[in-house]
PDB file of N, CA and C in Angstrom:
ATOM      1  N   MET A   1      16.602  -7.100   8.118  1.00  0.00           N
ATOM      2  CA  MET A   1      15.151  -7.395   8.993  1.00  0.00           C
ATOM      3  C   MET A   1      15.883  -7.727  10.178  1.00  0.00           C
ATOM      4  N   ASP A   2      16.031  -8.137  11.639  1.00  0.00           N
ATOM      5  CA  ASP A   2      16.493  -8.297  12.701  1.00  0.00           C
ATOM      6  C   ASP A   2      15.685 -10.106  13.218  1.00  0.00           C
ATOM      7  N   GLU A   3      16.312 -10.957  13.202  1.00  0.00           N
ATOM      8  CA  GLU A   3      16.181 -12.163  13.885  1.00  0.00           C
ATOM      9  C   GLU A   3      14.483 -12.487  14.622  1.00  0.00           C
ATOM     10  N   GLU A   4      14.653 -11.458  15.507  1.00  0.00           N
ATOM     11  CA  GLU A   4      12.652 -11.545  16.144  1.00  0.00           C
ATOM     12  C   GLU A   4      12.401 -11.707  14.896  1.00  0.00           C
ATOM     13  N   ASN A   5      11.797 -10.548  13.782  1.00  0.00           N
ATOM     14  CA  ASN A   5      10.984 -10.488  12.269  1.00  0.00           C
ATOM     15  C   ASN A   5      10.857 -12.420  12.129  1.00  0.00           C
ATOM     16  N   PHE A   6      11.709 -12.706  12.293  1.00  0.00           N
ATOM     17  CA  PHE A   6      11.711 -13.708  11.315  1.00  0.00           C
ATOM     18  C   PHE A   6      11.028 -15.122  12.540  1.00  0.00           C
ATOM     19  N   VAL A   7      10.479 -14.818  13.787  1.00  0.00           N
ATOM     20  CA  VAL A   7      10.368 -15.751  14.779  1.00  0.00           C
ATOM     21  C   VAL A   7       8.751 -15.729  14.463  1.00  0.00           C
ATOM     22  N   ASP A   8       8.364 -14.402  14.134  1.00  0.00           N
ATOM     23  CA  ASP A   8       6.741 -13.873  14.385  1.00  0.00           C
ATOM     24  C   ASP A   8       6.439 -15.181  12.757  1.00  0.00           C
ATOM     25  N   GLU A   9       5.436 -16.577  13.479  1.00  0.00           N
ATOM     26  CA  GLU A   9       4.891 -17.095  12.730  1.00  0.00           C
ATOM     27  C   GLU A   9       4.270 -16.304  11.808  1.00  0.00           C
ATOM     28  N   ASP A  10       3.401 -15.432  11.830  1.00  0.00           N
ATOM     29  CA  ASP A  10       2.386 -14.785  11.024  1.00  0.00           C
ATOM     30  C   ASP A  10       3.341 -14.274   9.968  1.00  0.00           C
ATOM     31  N   LEU A  11       3.655 -13.236  10.076  1.00  0.00           N
ATOM     32  CA  LEU A  11       4.891 -12.682   9.730  1.00  0.00           C
ATOM     33  C   LEU A  11       5.273 -13.510   8.177  1.00  0.00           C
ATOM     34  N   LEU A  12       6.128 -14.869   8.705  1.00  0.00           N
ATOM     35  CA  LEU A  12       6.469 -15.808   7.474  1.00  0.00           C
ATOM     36  C   LEU A  12       5.526 -16.216   6.553  1.00  0.00           C
ATOM     37  N   ILE A  13       4.748 -16.687   7.088  1.00  0.00           N
ATOM     38  CA  ILE A  13       2.939 -16.497   6.060  1.00  0.00           C
ATOM     39  C   ILE A  13       3.045 -16.126   5.478  1.00  0.00           C
ATOM     40  N   GLU A  14       2.957 -14.458   6.011  1.00  0.00           N
ATOM     41  CA  GLU A  14       2.669 -13.861   4.967  1.00  0.00           C
ATOM     42  C   GLU A  14       4.006 -13.767   4.177  1.00  0.00           C
ATOM     43  N   MET A  15       4.887 -13.447   4.376  1.00  0.00           N
ATOM     44  CA  MET A  15       6.195 -13.451   3.206  1.00  0.00           C
ATOM     45  C   MET A  15       5.995 -14.685   2.448  1.00  0.00           C
ATOM     46  N   ALA A  16       5.587 -15.971   3.277  1.00  0.00           N
ATOM     47  CA  ALA A  16       5.471 -17.000   1.911  1.00  0.00           C
ATOM     48  C   ALA A  16       4.643 -16.505   0.678  1.00  0.00           C
ATOM     49  N   GLU A  17       3.454 -16.445   1.140  1.00  0.00           N
ATOM     50  CA  GLU A  17       2.055 -16.097   0.238  1.00  0.00           C
ATOM     51  C   GLU A  17       2.644 -14.900  -0.495  1.00  0.00           C
ATOM     52  N   LEU A  18       3.411 -13.745  -0.617  1.00  0.00           N
ATOM     53  CA  LEU A  18       3.893 -12.858  -1.257  1.00  0.00           C
ATOM     54  C   LEU A  18       5.194 -13.415  -2.124  1.00  0.00           C
ATOM     55  N   PHE A  19       5.758 -14.193  -2.150  1.00  0.00           N
ATOM     56  CA  PHE A  19       7.051 -15.025  -2.515  1.00  0.00           C
ATOM     57  C   PHE A  19       6.094 -15.892  -3.496  1.00  0.00           C
ATOM     58  N   LYS A  20       4.942 -16.499  -2.753  1.00  0.00           N
ATOM     59  CA  LYS A  20       4.177 -17.515  -4.401  1.00  0.00           C
ATOM     60  C   LYS A  20       3.642 -16.788  -5.575  1.00  0.00           C
ATOM     61  N   ILE A  21       3.043 -15.338  -5.212  1.00  0.00           N
ATOM     62  CA  ILE A  21       3.039 -14.160  -5.890  1.00  0.00           C
ATOM     63  C   ILE A  21       3.772 -14.072  -6.878  1.00  0.00           C
ATOM     64  N   PHE A  22       5.175 -14.038  -6.739  1.00  0.00           N
ATOM     65  CA  PHE A  22       6.215 -13.705  -7.790  1.00  0.00           C
ATOM     66  C   PHE A  22       6.921 -15.036  -8.454  1.00  0.00           C
ATOM     67  N   GLY A  23       5.890 -16.432  -8.178  1.00  0.00           N
ATOM     68  CA  GLY A  23       6.012 -17.240  -8.344  1.00  0.00           C
ATOM     69  C   GLY A  23       5.890 -17.621  -9.637  1.00  0.00           C
ATOM     70  N   ASP A  24       5.052 -16.523 -10.543  1.00  0.00           N
ATOM     71  CA  ASP A  24       4.107 -17.013 -11.710  1.00  0.00           C
ATOM     72  C   ASP A  24       4.809 -16.035 -12.913  1.00  0.00           C
ATOM     73  N   SER A  25       5.563 -16.361 -13.899  1.00  0.00           N
ATOM     74  CA  SER A  25       5.670 -15.498 -15.318  1.00  0.00           C
ATOM     75  C   SER A  25       5.585 -14.572 -15.784  1.00  0.00           C
ATOM     76  N   THR A  26       4.062 -15.167 -15.507  1.00  0.00           N
ATOM     77  CA  THR A  26       3.170 -13.877 -17.021  1.00  0.00           C
ATOM     78  C   THR A  26       2.795 -12.273 -15.327  1.00  0.00           C
ATOM     79  N   ARG A  27       2.996 -13.235 -14.037  1.00  0.00           N
ATOM     80  CA  ARG A  27       2.797 -11.758 -13.425  1.00  0.00           C
ATOM     81  C   ARG A  27       4.253 -11.288 -12.803  1.00  0.00           C
ATOM     82  N   ILE A  28       5.303 -11.664 -13.337  1.00  0.00           N
ATOM     83  CA  ILE A  28       6.752 -10.915 -12.891  1.00  0.00           C
ATOM     84  C   ILE A  28       6.657 -10.126 -14.323  1.00  0.00           C
ATOM     85  N   LYS A  29       6.151 -11.001 -15.595  1.00  0.00           N
ATOM     86  CA  LYS A  29       6.675  -9.576 -16.993  1.00  0.00           C
ATOM     87  C   LYS A  29       5.447  -8.816 -16.600  1.00  0.00           C
ATOM     88  N   ILE A  30       4.525  -9.006 -16.337  1.00  0.00           N
ATOM     89  CA  ILE A  30       3.161  -7.697 -15.591  1.00  0.00           C
ATOM     90  C   ILE A  30       4.483  -6.321 -14.904  1.00  0.00           C
ATOM     91  N   LEU A  31       4.611  -7.246 -14.070  1.00  0.00           N
ATOM     92  CA  LEU A  31       5.290  -6.124 -12.978  1.00  0.00           C
ATOM     93  C   LEU A  31       6.573  -5.300 -14.179  1.00  0.00           C
ATOM     94  N   SER A  32       7.271  -6.234 -14.673  1.00  0.00           N
ATOM     95  CA  SER A  32       7.793  -5.623 -15.479  1.00  0.00           C
ATOM     96  C   SER A  32       7.704  -4.424 -16.368  1.00  0.00           C
ATOM     97  N   VAL A  33       6.520  -5.068 -17.117  1.00  0.00           N
ATOM     98  CA  VAL A  33       6.070  -3.355 -17.650  1.00  0.00           C
ATOM     99  C   VAL A  33       5.408  -2.529 -17.264  1.00  0.00           C
ATOM    100  N   LEU A  34       4.538  -2.725 -15.973  1.00  0.00           N
ATOM    101  CA  LEU A  34       4.764  -1.793 -15.054  1.00  0.00           C
ATOM    102  C   LEU A  34       5.978  -1.002 -14.513  1.00  0.00           C
ATOM    103  N   SER A  35       7.323  -1.168 -14.649  1.00  0.00           N
ATOM    104  CA  SER A  35       8.340  -0.266 -13.862  1.00  0.00           C
ATOM    105  C   SER A  35       8.450   0.849 -14.670  1.00  0.00           C
ATOM    106  N   ASP A  36       7.970   0.162 -16.216  1.00  0.00           N
ATOM    107  CA  ASP A  36       8.335   1.169 -16.608  1.00  0.00           C
ATOM    108  C   ASP A  36       6.985   2.599 -16.810  1.00  0.00           C
ATOM    109  N   GLY A  37       6.307   2.663 -16.197  1.00  0.00           N
ATOM    110  CA  GLY A  37       5.366   3.393 -15.754  1.00  0.00           C
ATOM    111  C   GLY A  37       3.807   3.101 -15.603  1.00  0.00           C
ATOM    112  N   ASP A  38       3.015   3.719 -15.784  1.00  0.00           N
ATOM    113  CA  ASP A  38       1.397   3.489 -15.740  1.00  0.00           C
ATOM    114  C   ASP A  38       0.871   3.170 -17.218  1.00  0.00           C
ATOM    115  N   LYS A  39       0.104   1.683 -17.144  1.00  0.00           N
ATOM    116  CA  LYS A  39      -0.726   1.170 -18.480  1.00  0.00           C
ATOM    117  C   LYS A  39      -1.772   1.283 -18.253  1.00  0.00           C
ATOM    118  N   CYS A  40      -2.210   0.656 -19.702  1.00  0.00           N
ATOM    119  CA  CYS A  40      -3.812   0.024 -19.691  1.00  0.00           C
ATOM    120  C   CYS A  40      -3.451  -1.199 -19.728  1.00  0.00           C
ATOM    121  N   VAL A  41      -4.719  -2.190 -19.801  1.00  0.00           N
ATOM    122  CA  VAL A  41      -4.655  -3.396 -20.024  1.00  0.00           C
ATOM    123  C   VAL A  41      -4.537  -4.070 -21.623  1.00  0.00           C
ATOM    124  N   GLN A  42      -4.622  -3.240 -22.363  1.00  0.00           N
ATOM    125  CA  GLN A  42      -4.183  -3.315 -23.666  1.00  0.00           C
ATOM    126  C   GLN A  42      -2.589  -3.295 -24.194  1.00  0.00           C
ATOM    127  N   GLU A  43      -1.975  -2.180 -23.226  1.00  0.00           N
ATOM    128  CA  GLU A  43      -1.317  -1.817 -23.206  1.00  0.00           C
ATOM    129  C   GLU A  43      -0.469  -3.168 -22.624  1.00  0.00           C
ATOM    130  N   ILE A  44      -0.062  -3.074 -21.745  1.00  0.00           N
ATOM    131  CA  ILE A  44       0.050  -4.783 -20.791  1.00  0.00           C
ATOM    132  C   ILE A  44       0.117  -5.858 -21.659  1.00  0.00           C
ATOM    133  N   THR A  45      -0.944  -6.284 -22.315  1.00  0.00           N
ATOM    134  CA  THR A  45      -1.693  -7.602 -23.140  1.00  0.00           C
ATOM    135  C   THR A  45      -0.368  -7.263 -24.488  1.00  0.00           C
ATOM    136  N   ASP A  46      -0.073  -6.165 -25.064  1.00  0.00           N
ATOM    137  CA  ASP A  46       0.618  -5.954 -26.080  1.00  0.00           C
ATOM    138  C   ASP A  46       1.594  -6.740 -25.979  1.00  0.00           C
ATOM    139  N   SER A  47       2.221  -6.188 -25.072  1.00  0.00           N
ATOM    140  CA  SER A  47       3.680  -5.909 -24.053  1.00  0.00           C
ATOM    141  C   SER A  47       4.038  -7.449 -24.022  1.00  0.00           C
ATOM    142  N   ILE A  48       3.326  -8.243 -23.879  1.00  0.00           N
ATOM    143  CA  ILE A  48       3.604  -9.531 -23.451  1.00  0.00           C
ATOM    144  C   ILE A  48       3.199 -10.621 -23.848  1.00  0.00           C
ATOM    145  N   GLY A  49       2.596 -10.083 -24.285  1.00  0.00           N
ATOM    146  CA  GLY A  49       1.770 -11.234 -25.666  1.00  0.00           C
ATOM    147  C   GLY A  49       1.050 -12.227 -25.279  1.00  0.00           C
ATOM    148  N   SER A  50      -0.263 -12.084 -24.111  1.00  0.00           N
ATOM    149  CA  SER A  50      -0.790 -12.537 -23.333  1.00  0.00           C
ATOM    150  C   SER A  50      -2.496 -12.102 -23.906  1.00  0.00           C
ATOM    151  N   SER A  51      -3.318 -12.850 -23.394  1.00  0.00           N
ATOM    152  CA  SER A  51      -4.621 -12.500 -23.799  1.00  0.00           C
ATOM    153  C   SER A  51      -5.139 -11.493 -22.752  1.00  0.00           C
ATOM    154  N   GLN A  52      -6.200 -10.382 -22.656  1.00  0.00           N
ATOM    155  CA  GLN A  52      -6.936 -10.044 -22.262  1.00  0.00           C
ATOM    156  C   GLN A  52      -7.255 -10.375 -21.041  1.00  0.00           C
ATOM    157  N   SER A  53      -8.179 -11.331 -20.773  1.00  0.00           N
ATOM    158  CA  SER A  53      -8.748 -12.073 -20.042  1.00  0.00           C
ATOM    159  C   SER A  53      -7.278 -12.379 -19.088  1.00  0.00           C
ATOM    160  N   ALA A  54      -6.293 -13.418 -19.732  1.00  0.00           N
ATOM    161  CA  ALA A  54      -5.377 -13.917 -18.769  1.00  0.00           C
ATOM    162  C   ALA A  54      -4.482 -12.806 -18.046  1.00  0.00           C
ATOM    163  N   VAL A  55      -4.536 -11.820 -18.619  1.00  0.00           N
ATOM    164  CA  VAL A  55      -3.571 -10.828 -18.133  1.00  0.00           C
ATOM    165  C   VAL A  55      -4.734 -10.005 -17.127  1.00  0.00           C
ATOM    166  N   SER A  56      -5.966  -9.409 -17.254  1.00  0.00           N
ATOM    167  CA  SER A  56      -6.976  -9.154 -16.257  1.00  0.00           C
ATOM    168  C   SER A  56      -6.963 -10.252 -15.437  1.00  0.00           C
ATOM    169  N   HIS A  57      -7.331 -11.487 -15.584  1.00  0.00           N
ATOM    170  CA  HIS A  57      -6.644 -12.122 -14.383  1.00  0.00           C
ATOM    171  C   HIS A  57      -5.918 -12.051 -12.921  1.00  0.00           C
ATOM    172  N   GLN A  58      -4.443 -12.075 -13.802  1.00  0.00           N
ATOM    173  CA  GLN A  58      -3.128 -11.680 -12.873  1.00  0.00           C
ATOM    174  C   GLN A  58      -3.220 -10.449 -12.320  1.00  0.00           C
ATOM    175  N   LEU A  59      -3.718  -9.178 -12.954  1.00  0.00           N
ATOM    176  CA  LEU A  59      -3.953  -8.213 -12.398  1.00  0.00           C
ATOM    177  C   LEU A  59      -4.680  -8.196 -11.388  1.00  0.00           C
ATOM    178  N   ARG A  60      -5.337  -8.939 -11.513  1.00  0.00           N
ATOM    179  CA  ARG A  60      -6.496  -9.462  -9.636  1.00  0.00           C
ATOM    180  C   ARG A  60      -5.893  -9.540  -8.638  1.00  0.00           C
ATOM    181  N   ILE A  61      -4.965 -10.581  -9.112  1.00  0.00           N
ATOM    182  CA  ILE A  61      -4.591 -11.451  -8.361  1.00  0.00           C
ATOM    183  C   ILE A  61      -3.382  -9.974  -7.367  1.00  0.00           C
ATOM    184  N   LEU A  62      -2.603  -9.068  -8.604  1.00  0.00           N
ATOM    185  CA  LEU A  62      -1.733  -8.380  -8.047  1.00  0.00           C
ATOM    186  C   LEU A  62      -1.824  -7.331  -7.322  1.00  0.00           C
ATOM    187  N   LYS A  63      -3.186  -7.314  -7.648  1.00  0.00           N
ATOM    188  CA  LYS A  63      -3.781  -6.002  -6.903  1.00  0.00           C
ATOM    189  C   LYS A  63      -3.923  -6.709  -5.505  1.00  0.00           C
ATOM    190  N   GLN A  64      -4.643  -7.871  -5.415  1.00  0.00           N
ATOM    191  CA  GLN A  64      -5.273  -7.914  -3.723  1.00  0.00           C
ATOM    192  C   GLN A  64      -3.959  -8.235  -3.357  1.00  0.00           C
ATOM    193  N   ALA A  65      -2.764  -8.476  -3.732  1.00  0.00           N
ATOM    194  CA  ALA A  65      -1.558  -8.683  -3.095  1.00  0.00           C
ATOM    195  C   ALA A  65      -1.066  -7.720  -3.000  1.00  0.00           C
ATOM    196  N   ARG A  66      -1.585  -5.840  -3.170  1.00  0.00           N
ATOM    197  CA  ARG A  66      -1.165  -5.246  -2.890  1.00  0.00           C
ATOM    198  C   ARG A  66       0.489  -4.716  -3.324  1.00  0.00           C
ATOM    199  N   LEU A  67       0.423  -5.436  -5.127  1.00  0.00           N
ATOM    200  CA  LEU A  67       1.125  -4.863  -5.606  1.00  0.00           C
ATOM    201  C   LEU A  67       1.508  -3.898  -6.393  1.00  0.00           C
ATOM    202  N   VAL A  68       0.636  -3.941  -7.197  1.00  0.00           N
ATOM    203  CA  VAL A  68      -0.474  -3.531  -8.330  1.00  0.00           C
ATOM    204  C   VAL A  68      -2.026  -2.085  -7.571  1.00  0.00           C
ATOM    205  N   ARG A  69      -1.888  -1.228  -8.576  1.00  0.00           N
ATOM    206  CA  ARG A  69      -2.832  -0.587  -7.762  1.00  0.00           C
ATOM    207  C   ARG A  69      -3.397  -0.033  -9.307  1.00  0.00           C
ATOM    208  N   ASN A  70      -4.449   0.598  -9.475  1.00  0.00           N
ATOM    209  CA  ASN A  70      -5.119   1.192 -10.621  1.00  0.00           C
ATOM    210  C   ASN A  70      -6.158   2.316 -10.249  1.00  0.00           C
ATOM    211  N   ARG A  71      -6.266   3.124 -11.450  1.00  0.00           N
ATOM    212  CA  ARG A  71      -6.829   4.210 -11.283  1.00  0.00           C
ATOM    213  C   ARG A  71      -7.476   4.742 -12.638  1.00  0.00           C
ATOM    214  N   ARG A  72      -8.697   5.314 -12.294  1.00  0.00           N
ATOM    215  CA  ARG A  72     -10.023   5.259 -13.158  1.00  0.00           C
ATOM    216  C   ARG A  72      -9.565   6.417 -14.432  1.00  0.00           C
ATOM    217  N   GLN A  73      -9.684   6.504 -15.325  1.00  0.00           N
ATOM    218  CA  GLN A  73      -9.427   7.549 -16.067  1.00  0.00           C
ATOM    219  C   GLN A  73     -10.437   7.791 -17.575  1.00  0.00           C
ATOM    220  N   GLY A  74     -11.737   8.018 -16.914  1.00  0.00           N
ATOM    221  CA  GLY A  74     -12.496   7.999 -18.189  1.00  0.00           C
ATOM    222  C   GLY A  74     -12.906   6.707 -18.066  1.00  0.00           C
ATOM    223  N   LYS A  75     -13.203   6.158 -19.191  1.00  0.00           N
ATOM    224  CA  LYS A  75     -13.325   4.694 -19.921  1.00  0.00           C
ATOM    225  C   LYS A  75     -12.187   3.954 -19.853  1.00  0.00           C
ATOM    226  N   GLN A  76     -11.004   4.309 -19.145  1.00  0.00           N
ATOM    227  CA  GLN A  76      -9.734   3.541 -19.350  1.00  0.00           C
ATOM    228  C   GLN A  76      -9.151   3.239 -17.602  1.00  0.00           C
ATOM    229  N   ILE A  77      -9.089   2.130 -17.688  1.00  0.00           N
ATOM    230  CA  ILE A  77      -8.264   1.533 -16.300  1.00  0.00           C
ATOM    231  C   ILE A  77      -6.896   1.589 -16.265  1.00  0.00           C
ATOM    232  N   TRP A  78      -5.850   2.597 -15.602  1.00  0.00           N
ATOM    233  CA  TRP A  78      -4.456   2.319 -15.819  1.00  0.00           C
ATOM    234  C   TRP A  78      -4.016   1.935 -14.469  1.00  0.00           C
ATOM    235  N   TYR A  79      -3.323   0.771 -14.723  1.00  0.00           N
ATOM    236  CA  TYR A  79      -2.379   0.700 -13.396  1.00  0.00           C
ATOM    237  C   TYR A  79      -1.009   0.595 -13.300  1.00  0.00           C
ATOM    238  N   SER A  80      -0.420   0.375 -12.565  1.00  0.00           N
ATOM    239  CA  SER A  80       1.215   1.042 -11.936  1.00  0.00           C
ATOM    240  C   SER A  80       1.116  -0.530 -10.588  1.00  0.00           C
ATOM    241  N   LEU A  81       2.690   0.029 -10.781  1.00  0.00           N
ATOM    242  CA  LEU A  81       3.741  -0.766  -9.726  1.00  0.00           C
ATOM    243  C   LEU A  81       2.418   0.027  -8.257  1.00  0.00           C
ATOM    244  N   ALA A  82       2.581  -0.749  -7.150  1.00  0.00           N
ATOM    245  CA  ALA A  82       1.654  -0.134  -6.225  1.00  0.00           C
ATOM    246  C   ALA A  82       2.695   1.058  -5.272  1.00  0.00           C
ATOM    247  N   ASP A  83       4.196   0.230  -5.355  1.00  0.00           N
ATOM    248  CA  ASP A  83       4.990   1.441  -4.811  1.00  0.00           C
ATOM    249  C   ASP A  83       6.587   0.841  -5.241  1.00  0.00           C
ATOM    250  N   ASP A  84       7.806   1.777  -4.868  1.00  0.00           N
ATOM    251  CA  ASP A  84       8.910   1.160  -4.970  1.00  0.00           C
ATOM    252  C   ASP A  84       9.053  -0.194  -4.538  1.00  0.00           C
ATOM    253  N   HIS A  85       8.549  -0.106  -3.430  1.00  0.00           N
ATOM    254  CA  HIS A  85       9.558  -1.226  -3.056  1.00  0.00           C
ATOM    255  C   HIS A  85       8.857  -2.922  -4.164  1.00  0.00           C
ATOM    256  N   VAL A  86       8.286  -2.589  -4.828  1.00  0.00           N
ATOM    257  CA  VAL A  86       7.908  -3.629  -5.935  1.00  0.00           C
ATOM    258  C   VAL A  86       9.130  -3.631  -6.652  1.00  0.00           C
ATOM    259  N   LYS A  87       9.381  -2.196  -7.389  1.00  0.00           N
ATOM    260  CA  LYS A  87      10.360  -2.204  -8.034  1.00  0.00           C
ATOM    261  C   LYS A  87      11.973  -3.028  -7.412  1.00  0.00           C
ATOM    262  N   THR A  88      11.776  -2.828  -6.537  1.00  0.00           N
ATOM    263  CA  THR A  88      13.126  -2.621  -5.420  1.00  0.00           C
ATOM    264  C   THR A  88      13.424  -4.716  -5.433  1.00  0.00           C
ATOM    265  N   ILE A  89      11.983  -4.752  -5.393  1.00  0.00           N
ATOM    266  CA  ILE A  89      12.022  -6.350  -5.617  1.00  0.00           C
ATOM    267  C   ILE A  89      12.480  -7.103  -6.281  1.00  0.00           C
ATOM    268  N   LEU A  90      11.750  -6.662  -7.521  1.00  0.00           N
ATOM    269  CA  LEU A  90      11.795  -7.451  -9.338  1.00  0.00           C
ATOM    270  C   LEU A  90      13.672  -7.121  -9.546  1.00  0.00           C
ATOM    271  N   GLY A  91      14.085  -5.849  -9.088  1.00  0.00           N
ATOM    272  CA  GLY A  91      15.604  -5.008  -8.865  1.00  0.00           C
ATOM    273  C   GLY A  91      16.479  -6.052  -8.277  1.00  0.00           C
ATOM    274  N   MET A  92      16.329  -5.952  -7.382  1.00  0.00           N
ATOM    275  CA  MET A  92      17.021  -7.458  -6.780  1.00  0.00           C
ATOM    276  C   MET A  92      17.298  -8.217  -7.439  1.00  0.00           C
ATOM    277  N   ALA A  93      15.718  -9.006  -7.378  1.00  0.00           N
ATOM    278  CA  ALA A  93      16.144 -11.004  -7.852  1.00  0.00           C
ATOM    279  C   ALA A  93      16.728 -10.554  -9.131  1.00  0.00           C
ATOM    280  N   LYS A  94      16.555  -9.783  -9.796  1.00  0.00           N
ATOM    281  CA  LYS A  94      17.752  -9.740 -11.284  1.00  0.00           C
ATOM    282  C   LYS A  94      19.084  -9.503 -11.365  1.00  0.00           C
ATOM    283  N   GLU A  95      19.288  -8.772  -9.836  1.00  0.00           N
ATOM    284  CA  GLU A  95      20.491  -8.061  -9.928  1.00  0.00           C
ATOM    285  C   GLU A  95      21.470 -10.075  -9.393  1.00  0.00           C
ATOM    286  N   HIS A  96      20.171 -10.643  -8.304  1.00  0.00           N
ATOM    287  CA  HIS A  96      20.921 -12.057  -7.878  1.00  0.00           C
ATOM    288  C   HIS A  96      21.295 -12.479  -8.819  1.00  0.00           C
ATOM    289  N   LEU A  97      20.160 -12.556  -9.408  1.00  0.00           N
ATOM    290  CA  LEU A  97      20.482 -13.893 -10.536  1.00  0.00           C
ATOM    291  C   LEU A  97      21.289 -13.393 -11.143  1.00  0.00           C
ATOM    292  N   GLU A  98      21.511 -12.184 -11.663  1.00  0.00           N
ATOM    293  CA  GLU A  98      22.834 -12.287 -13.030  1.00  0.00           C
ATOM    294  C   GLU A  98      24.293 -12.151 -12.266  1.00  0.00           C
ATOM    295  N   GLU A  99      24.542 -12.302 -10.883  1.00  0.00           N
ATOM    296  CA  GLU A  99      25.730 -12.321 -10.350  1.00  0.00           C
ATOM    297  C   GLU A  99      26.634 -13.598 -10.660  1.00  0.00           C
TER     298      GLU A  99
END
């Protein structure tokens, strides 16, 4: 990004809001699990050791932030990362912390 993008107050506010979403360890766990592929709520719950209601709540937040998307297959709803940018952000954060 060039300096002009960082002068735009609206963009800065949106970026801050996005980083707030990444500020919750349960949401990071969910995103990490989804980086391996599509999962239903039960699979996510089993993977992170959290309650189904807590996972569903966090998935709603992640979906509203456009970090996760879902699709219905029969009675099951499958969740996935919204796009490759989400996986890139997670990877960059991990790489930064491992330096």
